[in-house]
N, C-alpha and C. Protein backbone atom coordinates (compact mmCIF):
# COMPACT_ATOMS: atom_id res chain seq x y z
N MET A 1 -3.01 36.89 -71.20
CA MET A 1 -3.83 36.88 -72.50
C MET A 1 -5.42 35.85 -71.70
N SER A 2 -6.36 36.90 -72.17
CA SER A 2 -7.80 35.96 -71.49
C SER A 2 -8.31 35.58 -73.05
N GLY A 3 -9.43 34.79 -72.87
CA GLY A 3 -10.03 34.07 -73.68
C GLY A 3 -10.36 32.92 -73.54
N LYS A 4 -10.71 32.28 -74.56
CA LYS A 4 -11.23 30.66 -74.35
C LYS A 4 -10.02 30.03 -74.70
N PHE A 5 -8.89 30.49 -75.02
CA PHE A 5 -7.85 29.37 -75.31
C PHE A 5 -6.93 29.86 -74.35
N SER A 6 -6.39 28.58 -73.50
CA SER A 6 -5.72 28.81 -72.55
C SER A 6 -4.83 27.34 -72.39
N ALA A 7 -3.63 27.82 -72.04
CA ALA A 7 -2.41 26.69 -71.80
C ALA A 7 -3.07 25.50 -70.64
N ARG A 8 -2.77 24.33 -71.28
CA ARG A 8 -3.39 23.17 -70.48
C ARG A 8 -2.12 22.80 -69.23
N ARG A 9 -2.71 22.51 -68.13
CA ARG A 9 -1.67 21.99 -67.27
C ARG A 9 -1.32 20.72 -67.69
N PHE A 10 0.13 20.51 -67.43
CA PHE A 10 0.83 19.06 -67.59
C PHE A 10 0.24 18.21 -66.46
N SER A 11 -0.25 17.14 -66.49
CA SER A 11 -0.63 15.94 -65.66
C SER A 11 0.30 14.76 -65.76
N PRO A 12 0.93 14.46 -64.70
CA PRO A 12 1.68 13.11 -64.97
C PRO A 12 1.28 11.89 -64.58
N ARG A 13 -0.14 11.85 -64.52
CA ARG A 13 -0.91 10.61 -64.60
C ARG A 13 -1.03 9.79 -65.52
N PRO A 14 -0.88 10.23 -66.73
CA PRO A 14 -0.74 9.10 -67.99
C PRO A 14 0.61 8.62 -68.10
N PHE A 15 1.31 9.53 -67.85
CA PHE A 15 2.92 8.98 -67.75
C PHE A 15 3.00 7.93 -66.62
N TYR A 16 2.79 8.20 -65.62
CA TYR A 16 2.86 7.36 -64.52
C TYR A 16 1.91 5.96 -64.91
N SER A 17 0.96 6.11 -65.27
CA SER A 17 0.16 4.79 -65.55
C SER A 17 0.80 3.80 -66.58
N SER A 18 1.43 4.82 -67.69
CA SER A 18 1.87 3.86 -68.64
C SER A 18 3.46 3.29 -68.09
N ILE A 19 4.28 3.82 -66.91
CA ILE A 19 5.27 2.98 -66.73
C ILE A 19 4.99 1.90 -65.83
N ILE A 20 4.03 2.10 -64.90
CA ILE A 20 3.35 1.47 -64.25
C ILE A 20 2.77 -0.07 -65.13
N ALA A 21 1.92 0.54 -66.06
CA ALA A 21 1.68 -0.94 -67.36
C ALA A 21 2.92 -1.56 -67.79
N PHE A 22 3.83 -1.09 -67.99
CA PHE A 22 4.91 -1.42 -68.84
C PHE A 22 5.80 -2.47 -67.80
N SER A 23 5.80 -1.86 -66.57
CA SER A 23 6.42 -2.53 -65.65
C SER A 23 5.75 -3.81 -64.94
N VAL A 24 4.52 -3.65 -65.17
CA VAL A 24 3.58 -4.90 -64.89
C VAL A 24 3.74 -6.00 -65.86
N ALA A 25 3.76 -5.46 -67.08
CA ALA A 25 4.09 -6.45 -68.38
C ALA A 25 5.51 -7.13 -68.45
N VAL A 26 6.32 -6.35 -68.21
CA VAL A 26 7.60 -6.79 -68.13
C VAL A 26 7.90 -7.75 -67.37
N SER A 27 7.48 -7.77 -65.76
CA SER A 27 7.16 -8.49 -64.86
C SER A 27 6.45 -9.88 -65.03
N ALA A 28 5.43 -9.26 -65.69
CA ALA A 28 4.76 -10.88 -65.89
C ALA A 28 5.53 -11.79 -66.75
N ALA A 29 6.04 -11.29 -67.62
CA ALA A 29 7.31 -12.15 -68.73
C ALA A 29 8.18 -12.43 -67.88
N VAL A 30 9.08 -11.79 -67.06
CA VAL A 30 10.09 -12.46 -66.30
C VAL A 30 9.83 -13.65 -65.59
N LEU A 31 8.52 -13.22 -65.08
CA LEU A 31 7.93 -14.18 -64.01
C LEU A 31 7.70 -15.82 -64.96
N LEU A 32 7.21 -15.65 -66.09
CA LEU A 32 6.60 -16.72 -66.87
C LEU A 32 8.34 -17.38 -67.39
N ILE A 33 9.01 -16.79 -67.55
CA ILE A 33 10.19 -17.14 -68.33
C ILE A 33 11.00 -17.65 -67.17
N VAL A 34 11.12 -17.47 -65.87
CA VAL A 34 11.52 -18.04 -64.65
C VAL A 34 11.17 -19.08 -64.33
N THR A 35 9.72 -19.20 -64.52
CA THR A 35 8.99 -20.72 -63.84
C THR A 35 8.74 -21.49 -64.60
N GLN A 36 9.08 -21.33 -65.97
CA GLN A 36 8.68 -22.22 -67.02
C GLN A 36 9.94 -22.84 -67.95
N THR A 37 11.09 -22.10 -67.81
CA THR A 37 12.17 -22.70 -68.51
C THR A 37 13.17 -23.16 -67.46
N GLU A 38 14.14 -24.30 -68.13
CA GLU A 38 15.25 -25.12 -67.38
C GLU A 38 16.46 -24.00 -66.96
N ASN A 39 16.58 -23.07 -67.73
CA ASN A 39 17.95 -22.17 -67.73
C ASN A 39 17.18 -20.91 -67.70
N PRO A 40 16.76 -20.15 -66.59
CA PRO A 40 16.20 -18.91 -66.43
C PRO A 40 17.12 -17.79 -67.03
N ILE A 41 18.34 -17.94 -66.46
CA ILE A 41 19.14 -16.97 -66.83
C ILE A 41 19.61 -16.66 -68.48
N ALA A 42 19.88 -17.75 -68.76
CA ALA A 42 20.00 -17.81 -70.35
C ALA A 42 18.85 -17.20 -71.14
N ALA A 43 17.69 -17.83 -70.81
CA ALA A 43 16.13 -17.64 -71.58
C ALA A 43 16.15 -16.08 -71.19
N LEU A 44 16.08 -15.39 -70.19
CA LEU A 44 16.30 -13.98 -69.99
C LEU A 44 17.17 -13.26 -70.70
N ARG A 45 18.57 -13.63 -70.68
CA ARG A 45 19.41 -12.80 -71.74
C ARG A 45 19.26 -12.79 -72.91
N SER A 46 18.57 -14.29 -73.31
CA SER A 46 18.21 -13.88 -74.80
C SER A 46 16.88 -13.26 -75.12
N PHE A 47 16.14 -13.18 -74.01
CA PHE A 47 14.81 -12.72 -74.24
C PHE A 47 15.09 -10.63 -74.41
N PHE A 48 15.72 -10.48 -73.42
CA PHE A 48 16.31 -8.92 -73.45
C PHE A 48 17.47 -8.45 -74.56
N THR A 49 18.19 -9.51 -74.77
CA THR A 49 19.39 -9.04 -75.65
C THR A 49 19.29 -9.62 -77.05
N GLN A 50 18.85 -10.65 -77.44
CA GLN A 50 18.75 -11.30 -78.90
C GLN A 50 17.87 -10.23 -79.88
N PRO A 51 16.83 -9.61 -79.42
CA PRO A 51 16.58 -8.58 -80.35
C PRO A 51 17.44 -7.45 -81.01
N PHE A 52 18.25 -7.16 -80.28
CA PHE A 52 19.23 -6.18 -80.42
C PHE A 52 20.95 -6.72 -80.97
N SER A 53 21.11 -7.85 -81.10
CA SER A 53 22.15 -8.60 -81.41
C SER A 53 22.46 -8.40 -82.82
N SER A 54 21.79 -8.30 -83.91
CA SER A 54 22.08 -8.01 -85.16
C SER A 54 21.09 -7.35 -85.83
N PRO A 55 21.16 -6.59 -86.90
CA PRO A 55 20.31 -5.70 -87.75
C PRO A 55 19.07 -6.49 -88.14
N TRP A 56 19.42 -7.89 -88.56
CA TRP A 56 18.23 -8.68 -89.01
C TRP A 56 17.19 -8.78 -87.92
N PHE A 57 17.66 -9.18 -86.98
CA PHE A 57 16.24 -9.42 -85.77
C PHE A 57 15.99 -8.13 -85.19
N LEU A 58 16.77 -7.15 -85.23
CA LEU A 58 16.11 -5.63 -84.83
C LEU A 58 14.91 -5.50 -85.63
N GLY A 59 15.17 -5.49 -87.16
CA GLY A 59 14.19 -5.25 -88.11
C GLY A 59 13.17 -6.27 -87.96
N ASN A 60 13.40 -7.48 -87.93
CA ASN A 60 12.03 -8.07 -87.58
C ASN A 60 11.39 -7.85 -86.46
N MET A 61 11.85 -7.66 -85.47
CA MET A 61 11.07 -6.97 -84.00
C MET A 61 10.50 -5.63 -84.58
N LEU A 62 10.91 -5.05 -85.20
CA LEU A 62 10.30 -3.63 -85.57
C LEU A 62 8.88 -4.00 -86.63
N ASP A 63 9.47 -4.95 -87.35
CA ASP A 63 8.31 -5.25 -88.29
C ASP A 63 7.05 -6.05 -87.59
N GLN A 64 7.32 -6.67 -86.71
CA GLN A 64 6.48 -7.26 -85.95
C GLN A 64 5.51 -6.64 -85.30
N SER A 65 6.20 -5.39 -84.72
CA SER A 65 5.85 -4.55 -83.70
C SER A 65 4.82 -3.39 -84.58
N ALA A 66 5.18 -3.12 -85.61
CA ALA A 66 4.41 -2.05 -86.57
C ALA A 66 3.12 -2.51 -86.66
N LEU A 67 2.55 -3.64 -86.78
CA LEU A 67 1.01 -4.15 -86.81
C LEU A 67 0.35 -3.56 -85.82
N PHE A 68 1.06 -4.19 -84.72
CA PHE A 68 0.30 -3.91 -83.47
C PHE A 68 0.42 -2.36 -82.71
N LEU A 69 1.09 -1.79 -83.46
CA LEU A 69 1.22 -0.26 -83.04
C LEU A 69 0.23 0.69 -84.10
N THR A 70 0.01 0.20 -85.38
CA THR A 70 -0.80 0.69 -85.95
C THR A 70 -2.20 0.57 -85.47
N ALA A 71 -2.41 -1.04 -85.28
CA ALA A 71 -3.81 -1.31 -84.63
C ALA A 71 -4.31 -0.46 -83.49
N GLY A 72 -2.74 -0.43 -82.47
CA GLY A 72 -3.48 0.65 -81.31
C GLY A 72 -3.47 2.05 -81.71
N LEU A 73 -2.97 2.37 -82.64
CA LEU A 73 -3.16 3.99 -82.83
C LEU A 73 -4.79 4.04 -83.38
N GLY A 74 -4.84 3.19 -84.22
CA GLY A 74 -6.41 3.08 -84.68
C GLY A 74 -7.39 3.03 -83.50
N ILE A 75 -7.05 2.16 -82.51
CA ILE A 75 -8.20 1.85 -81.18
C ILE A 75 -8.22 3.18 -80.25
N VAL A 76 -6.73 3.53 -80.16
CA VAL A 76 -7.01 5.01 -79.68
C VAL A 76 -7.59 6.17 -80.21
N LEU A 77 -7.55 6.31 -81.14
CA LEU A 77 -8.53 7.46 -82.19
C LEU A 77 -9.83 7.11 -81.84
N SER A 78 -10.19 5.86 -82.09
CA SER A 78 -11.53 5.61 -81.73
C SER A 78 -12.03 5.74 -80.21
N PHE A 79 -11.15 5.31 -79.48
CA PHE A 79 -11.60 5.44 -77.94
C PHE A 79 -11.67 7.04 -77.70
N ARG A 80 -11.07 7.76 -78.21
CA ARG A 80 -10.60 9.32 -78.28
C ARG A 80 -12.15 10.00 -78.63
N GLY A 81 -12.44 9.29 -79.65
CA GLY A 81 -14.08 9.75 -80.34
C GLY A 81 -14.96 9.22 -79.55
N GLY A 82 -15.00 8.48 -78.40
CA GLY A 82 -16.17 8.16 -77.97
C GLY A 82 -16.93 6.71 -78.38
N THR A 83 -15.86 5.98 -79.13
CA THR A 83 -16.61 4.57 -79.83
C THR A 83 -15.60 3.75 -79.57
N PHE A 84 -16.37 2.32 -79.81
CA PHE A 84 -15.40 1.04 -79.44
C PHE A 84 -15.21 0.78 -80.83
N ASN A 85 -13.96 -0.06 -81.21
CA ASN A 85 -13.52 -0.63 -82.27
C ASN A 85 -13.11 -1.99 -82.19
N LEU A 86 -13.72 -2.89 -82.51
CA LEU A 86 -13.28 -4.20 -82.40
C LEU A 86 -12.57 -4.61 -83.73
N GLY A 87 -12.87 -3.90 -84.74
CA GLY A 87 -12.35 -3.93 -85.99
C GLY A 87 -11.21 -3.62 -86.36
N GLY A 88 -10.10 -2.96 -85.55
CA GLY A 88 -9.18 -2.25 -85.70
C GLY A 88 -8.31 -3.43 -86.56
N GLU A 89 -8.16 -4.45 -86.13
CA GLU A 89 -7.17 -5.50 -86.98
C GLU A 89 -7.65 -5.90 -88.31
N GLY A 90 -8.80 -6.26 -88.44
CA GLY A 90 -9.44 -6.26 -90.23
C GLY A 90 -9.24 -4.83 -90.75
N GLN A 91 -9.32 -3.45 -90.44
CA GLN A 91 -9.15 -2.35 -91.01
C GLN A 91 -7.67 -2.26 -91.64
N VAL A 92 -6.69 -2.79 -90.69
CA VAL A 92 -5.01 -3.13 -91.06
C VAL A 92 -5.11 -4.11 -91.96
N TYR A 93 -5.48 -5.03 -91.91
CA TYR A 93 -5.69 -6.09 -92.70
C TYR A 93 -5.98 -5.89 -94.22
N ILE A 94 -7.38 -5.18 -94.56
CA ILE A 94 -7.96 -4.63 -95.37
C ILE A 94 -7.07 -3.56 -95.92
N GLY A 95 -6.49 -2.69 -94.98
CA GLY A 95 -5.60 -1.69 -95.74
C GLY A 95 -4.25 -2.14 -96.34
N GLY A 96 -3.72 -3.13 -95.66
CA GLY A 96 -2.55 -3.98 -96.25
C GLY A 96 -2.76 -4.60 -97.71
N LEU A 97 -4.20 -5.16 -97.76
CA LEU A 97 -4.24 -5.91 -98.91
C LEU A 97 -4.21 -4.84 -100.00
N ALA A 98 -5.26 -3.97 -99.80
CA ALA A 98 -5.40 -2.67 -100.94
C ALA A 98 -4.00 -2.11 -101.45
N ALA A 99 -3.19 -1.69 -100.15
CA ALA A 99 -1.80 -1.10 -100.57
C ALA A 99 -1.02 -2.34 -101.73
N SER A 100 -0.96 -3.56 -101.09
CA SER A 100 -0.29 -4.58 -101.67
C SER A 100 -0.82 -4.73 -102.98
N ALA A 101 -2.07 -4.69 -103.25
CA ALA A 101 -2.50 -5.00 -104.88
C ALA A 101 -2.19 -3.65 -105.25
N LEU A 102 -2.11 -2.42 -104.90
CA LEU A 102 -1.74 -1.26 -105.78
C LEU A 102 -0.36 -1.32 -106.22
N LEU A 103 0.47 -1.62 -104.77
CA LEU A 103 2.02 -1.85 -105.36
C LEU A 103 2.23 -2.87 -106.33
N LEU A 104 1.36 -4.01 -106.44
CA LEU A 104 1.75 -4.95 -107.56
C LEU A 104 1.43 -4.50 -108.89
N SER A 105 0.41 -3.84 -108.90
CA SER A 105 -0.05 -3.47 -109.99
C SER A 105 0.26 -2.21 -110.81
N MET A 106 1.11 -1.57 -110.04
CA MET A 106 2.00 -0.16 -110.29
C MET A 106 3.52 -0.40 -110.34
N GLN A 107 3.93 -1.04 -111.19
CA GLN A 107 5.33 -1.47 -110.94
C GLN A 107 6.15 -0.66 -111.90
N ASN A 108 5.67 0.23 -112.79
CA ASN A 108 6.57 1.23 -113.60
C ASN A 108 6.53 2.60 -113.34
N ILE A 109 5.74 2.69 -112.16
CA ILE A 109 5.66 4.28 -111.71
C ILE A 109 6.80 4.44 -110.64
N PRO A 110 7.36 5.48 -110.51
CA PRO A 110 8.43 5.91 -109.53
C PRO A 110 8.12 5.50 -108.18
N GLY A 111 8.80 5.14 -107.35
CA GLY A 111 8.67 4.68 -106.07
C GLY A 111 8.04 5.53 -104.97
N PRO A 112 8.48 6.96 -104.95
CA PRO A 112 7.64 7.50 -103.97
C PRO A 112 6.33 8.09 -104.23
N ILE A 113 6.04 7.85 -105.56
CA ILE A 113 4.77 8.28 -106.07
C ILE A 113 3.89 7.15 -105.81
N VAL A 114 4.24 5.99 -106.08
CA VAL A 114 3.55 4.39 -105.72
C VAL A 114 3.18 4.26 -104.16
N LEU A 115 4.41 4.73 -103.35
CA LEU A 115 4.58 4.67 -102.19
C LEU A 115 3.18 5.58 -101.60
N MET A 116 2.90 6.77 -101.87
CA MET A 116 2.03 7.59 -101.45
C MET A 116 0.74 7.17 -101.84
N LEU A 117 0.52 6.69 -103.30
CA LEU A 117 -0.57 6.19 -103.72
C LEU A 117 -0.95 5.00 -102.71
N ALA A 118 -0.15 4.40 -102.30
CA ALA A 118 -0.34 2.89 -101.57
C ALA A 118 -0.89 3.50 -100.20
N CYS A 119 -0.17 4.25 -99.42
CA CYS A 119 -0.66 4.81 -98.14
C CYS A 119 -2.02 5.24 -98.45
N ALA A 120 -2.28 5.99 -99.57
CA ALA A 120 -3.85 6.96 -99.74
C ALA A 120 -4.55 5.48 -99.67
N ALA A 121 -4.34 4.41 -100.43
CA ALA A 121 -5.23 3.30 -100.69
C ALA A 121 -5.52 2.41 -99.38
N ALA A 122 -4.44 2.17 -98.82
CA ALA A 122 -4.72 1.56 -97.25
C ALA A 122 -5.42 2.43 -96.37
N LEU A 123 -5.17 3.67 -96.44
CA LEU A 123 -6.05 4.62 -95.16
C LEU A 123 -7.73 4.36 -96.03
N THR A 124 -7.85 4.73 -97.23
CA THR A 124 -9.42 4.90 -97.71
C THR A 124 -9.82 3.28 -97.56
N ALA A 125 -9.23 2.35 -97.65
CA ALA A 125 -9.66 0.90 -97.53
C ALA A 125 -10.13 0.83 -96.03
N GLY A 126 -9.22 1.10 -94.95
CA GLY A 126 -9.63 1.02 -93.82
C GLY A 126 -10.73 1.62 -93.04
N ALA A 127 -10.55 3.16 -94.07
CA ALA A 127 -11.85 3.72 -93.63
C ALA A 127 -13.31 3.35 -93.94
N ALA A 128 -13.01 2.66 -95.44
CA ALA A 128 -14.14 2.11 -95.79
C ALA A 128 -14.72 0.98 -95.05
N MET A 129 -14.07 0.29 -94.56
CA MET A 129 -14.38 -1.01 -93.91
C MET A 129 -14.94 -0.56 -92.41
N GLY A 130 -14.63 0.59 -91.89
CA GLY A 130 -15.07 1.20 -90.81
C GLY A 130 -16.54 1.74 -90.82
N ALA A 131 -16.63 2.34 -92.25
CA ALA A 131 -17.73 2.95 -92.73
C ALA A 131 -19.07 1.82 -92.79
N LEU A 132 -18.47 0.81 -93.47
CA LEU A 132 -19.23 -0.28 -93.75
C LEU A 132 -19.96 -0.76 -92.38
N SER A 133 -18.97 -0.98 -91.20
CA SER A 133 -19.44 -1.65 -90.15
C SER A 133 -20.31 -0.45 -89.48
N ARG A 134 -20.24 0.64 -89.61
CA ARG A 134 -20.98 1.64 -89.17
C ARG A 134 -22.36 1.44 -89.81
N LYS A 135 -22.38 1.48 -90.88
CA LYS A 135 -23.62 1.32 -91.97
C LYS A 135 -24.61 0.19 -91.47
N LYS A 136 -23.74 -0.77 -91.35
CA LYS A 136 -24.34 -2.28 -90.92
C LYS A 136 -24.96 -1.93 -89.27
N ALA A 137 -24.42 -1.31 -88.44
CA ALA A 137 -24.92 -1.21 -87.07
C ALA A 137 -26.18 -0.22 -86.92
N ARG A 138 -26.12 0.69 -88.05
CA ARG A 138 -27.40 1.59 -88.06
C ARG A 138 -28.56 0.81 -87.87
N ARG A 139 -28.55 -0.41 -88.66
CA ARG A 139 -29.97 -1.42 -89.02
C ARG A 139 -30.31 -1.79 -87.71
N ASN A 140 -30.06 -1.40 -86.31
CA ASN A 140 -30.54 -1.83 -85.17
C ASN A 140 -29.39 -3.16 -84.81
N LEU A 141 -28.32 -3.41 -85.59
CA LEU A 141 -27.51 -4.45 -85.12
C LEU A 141 -26.16 -4.03 -83.95
N SER A 142 -26.09 -4.38 -83.03
CA SER A 142 -24.79 -4.23 -82.04
C SER A 142 -23.75 -3.61 -83.16
N LEU A 143 -23.15 -2.36 -82.75
CA LEU A 143 -21.90 -1.92 -83.41
C LEU A 143 -20.76 -2.86 -83.23
N LEU A 144 -20.46 -3.31 -81.94
CA LEU A 144 -19.36 -4.28 -81.76
C LEU A 144 -19.39 -5.62 -82.54
N PHE A 145 -20.76 -6.00 -82.45
CA PHE A 145 -20.96 -7.25 -83.19
C PHE A 145 -20.91 -7.28 -84.72
N CYS A 146 -20.71 -6.00 -85.59
CA CYS A 146 -20.75 -5.75 -86.75
C CYS A 146 -19.13 -5.37 -87.14
N TYR A 147 -18.73 -4.72 -86.13
CA TYR A 147 -16.93 -4.83 -86.15
C TYR A 147 -16.55 -5.74 -86.60
N ARG A 148 -16.88 -6.67 -85.43
CA ARG A 148 -16.26 -8.26 -85.30
C ARG A 148 -16.48 -8.94 -86.57
N GLN A 149 -17.83 -9.00 -87.05
CA GLN A 149 -18.24 -9.88 -87.94
C GLN A 149 -17.66 -9.67 -89.20
N LEU A 150 -17.41 -8.25 -89.79
CA LEU A 150 -16.69 -8.14 -90.74
C LEU A 150 -15.15 -8.12 -90.58
N SER A 151 -14.57 -7.81 -89.84
CA SER A 151 -13.33 -8.05 -89.66
C SER A 151 -12.74 -9.28 -89.48
N PHE A 152 -13.48 -10.38 -88.93
CA PHE A 152 -12.82 -11.70 -88.68
C PHE A 152 -12.39 -12.15 -89.80
N PRO A 153 -13.18 -12.51 -90.93
CA PRO A 153 -12.60 -13.13 -92.14
C PRO A 153 -11.25 -12.34 -92.58
N LEU A 154 -11.11 -11.43 -92.45
CA LEU A 154 -10.17 -10.83 -93.51
C LEU A 154 -8.61 -11.27 -93.35
N PRO A 155 -8.27 -11.55 -91.94
CA PRO A 155 -6.82 -11.90 -92.08
C PRO A 155 -6.33 -13.10 -92.94
N ILE A 156 -7.79 -13.96 -93.03
CA ILE A 156 -7.57 -15.38 -93.56
C ILE A 156 -7.43 -14.64 -95.37
N THR A 157 -8.35 -13.90 -95.70
CA THR A 157 -8.66 -13.30 -96.90
C THR A 157 -7.25 -12.60 -97.56
N ALA A 158 -6.87 -12.26 -96.27
CA ALA A 158 -5.54 -11.00 -96.81
C ALA A 158 -4.13 -12.03 -96.95
N SER A 159 -4.15 -13.12 -96.37
CA SER A 159 -3.03 -13.93 -96.11
C SER A 159 -2.84 -14.65 -97.12
């Protein structure tokens, strides 16, 4: 089949770089635990097994990682688009604030509908935050400065 659409070849480089990054991060954590604790064996056992020891701990681990994964996904999208986004955390916070406000104000509407509306409100608020930063940057201000300037007070406001 000829034409402009062709199958891309799989390149293992991104996979290997992810494995290397993960290995370096785990090695650094182990090194810190071994050098900074009195009982490194118990600390390492706790570090690697405690989050999986009960549904409560597993849920807390997933809850804490969800924010980082969401912000990371936004940063990946902005990098793929060729821009830098230092306001990813602020966009997550403003989206969470918008979703929380909507969820608290619509308690008599069925759950699935309110959940979809809350997701839409979070996406819209985060996108509006990014658009506002971009609009400010067009006034000959640094784009990175605008993202950070607008996103810095949001964690305090949202909490």
